[in-house]
Amino acid sequence: MNLIEKQPDALMRQIEDVIARAKPPGRDIFLAVRFDNASYEELAERHGISAKRVEKAIARLMTRILLVGRPRRWQFWRR
């Protein structure tokens, strides 16, 4: 049994916390792509950055979300 099967509500709270703690531009970009179906180009224009930076902001937040519930040893670079 993994964490999702044991405590789905606790996992969702942790994921929501990761998103809430993200810095505003990255959080706004992530939420717009995931829930508003905004394109990278549209968000790049809206925020005055390149589409590649939009992609990196999403990847950065997705990485943090994927690490939720994992043992701390997997996050050795975040000491």
Protein backbone atom coordinates (compact mmCIF):
# COMPACT_ATOMS: atom_id res chain seq x y z
CA MET A 1 0.00 0.00 0.00
CA ASN A 2 1.36 3.40 -0.92
CA LEU A 3 0.62 6.84 0.51
CA ILE A 4 -2.18 7.50 -2.00
CA GLU A 5 -4.07 4.39 -0.90
CA LYS A 6 -3.43 4.95 2.82
CA GLN A 7 -4.17 8.66 3.17
CA PRO A 8 -5.51 10.33 0.02
CA ASP A 9 -6.73 13.41 1.90
CA ALA A 10 -3.36 13.97 3.56
CA LEU A 11 -1.61 13.64 0.21
CA MET A 12 -3.96 16.16 -1.42
CA ARG A 13 -3.35 18.62 1.41
CA GLN A 14 0.41 18.27 0.92
CA ILE A 15 0.08 18.83 -2.82
CA GLU A 16 -2.14 21.88 -2.27
CA ASP A 17 0.43 23.20 0.22
CA VAL A 18 3.24 22.81 -2.33
CA ILE A 19 1.22 24.76 -4.89
CA ALA A 20 0.23 27.43 -2.35
CA ARG A 21 3.86 27.94 -1.26
CA ALA A 22 5.12 28.34 -4.83
CA LYS A 23 6.09 31.84 -5.88
CA PRO A 24 3.31 33.76 -7.66
CA PRO A 25 4.53 33.73 -11.28
CA GLY A 26 5.25 29.99 -11.23
CA ARG A 27 2.06 29.17 -9.36
CA ASP A 28 -0.06 31.33 -11.68
CA ILE A 29 1.49 29.76 -14.77
CA PHE A 30 1.01 26.23 -13.43
CA LEU A 31 -2.63 26.81 -12.51
CA ALA A 32 -3.40 28.50 -15.84
CA VAL A 33 -1.95 25.60 -17.83
CA ARG A 34 -3.57 22.88 -15.72
CA PHE A 35 -7.01 24.37 -15.12
CA ASP A 36 -7.58 27.08 -17.75
CA ASN A 37 -5.96 25.19 -20.64
CA ALA A 38 -3.82 28.22 -21.47
CA SER A 39 -1.04 27.72 -24.02
CA TYR A 40 2.61 28.28 -23.20
CA GLU A 41 2.78 31.03 -25.83
CA GLU A 42 -0.24 32.82 -24.37
CA LEU A 43 1.24 32.70 -20.86
CA ALA A 44 4.65 33.81 -22.11
CA GLU A 45 3.08 36.86 -23.70
CA ARG A 46 0.95 37.59 -20.63
CA HIS A 47 3.93 37.40 -18.24
CA GLY A 48 6.52 38.93 -20.57
CA ILE A 49 8.77 35.86 -20.62
CA SER A 50 9.73 33.22 -23.18
CA ALA A 51 7.73 30.05 -23.76
CA LYS A 52 10.77 28.08 -22.57
CA ARG A 53 10.63 29.86 -19.18
CA VAL A 54 6.95 28.97 -18.95
CA GLU A 55 7.87 25.35 -19.58
CA LYS A 56 10.60 25.46 -16.93
CA ALA A 57 8.26 27.03 -14.35
CA ILE A 58 5.75 24.22 -14.87
CA ALA A 59 8.46 21.55 -14.71
CA ARG A 60 9.85 23.03 -11.49
CA LEU A 61 6.49 22.91 -9.74
CA MET A 62 5.64 19.46 -11.11
CA THR A 63 8.93 18.16 -9.70
CA ARG A 64 8.02 19.51 -6.28
CA ILE A 65 4.58 17.92 -6.50
CA LEU A 66 6.06 14.56 -7.53
CA LEU A 67 8.34 14.60 -4.47
CA VAL A 68 5.39 14.91 -2.07
CA GLY A 69 5.20 11.89 0.19
CA ARG A 70 8.66 10.61 -0.67
CA PRO A 71 11.26 10.09 2.01
CA ARG A 72 13.53 13.05 2.61
CA ARG A 73 16.59 11.11 1.39
CA TRP A 74 15.40 11.58 -2.20
CA GLN A 75 15.72 15.33 -1.73
CA PHE A 76 19.44 15.39 -0.95
CA TRP A 77 19.96 18.58 -2.97
CA ARG A 78 17.54 20.55 -0.75
CA ARG A 79 19.44 20.53 2.52
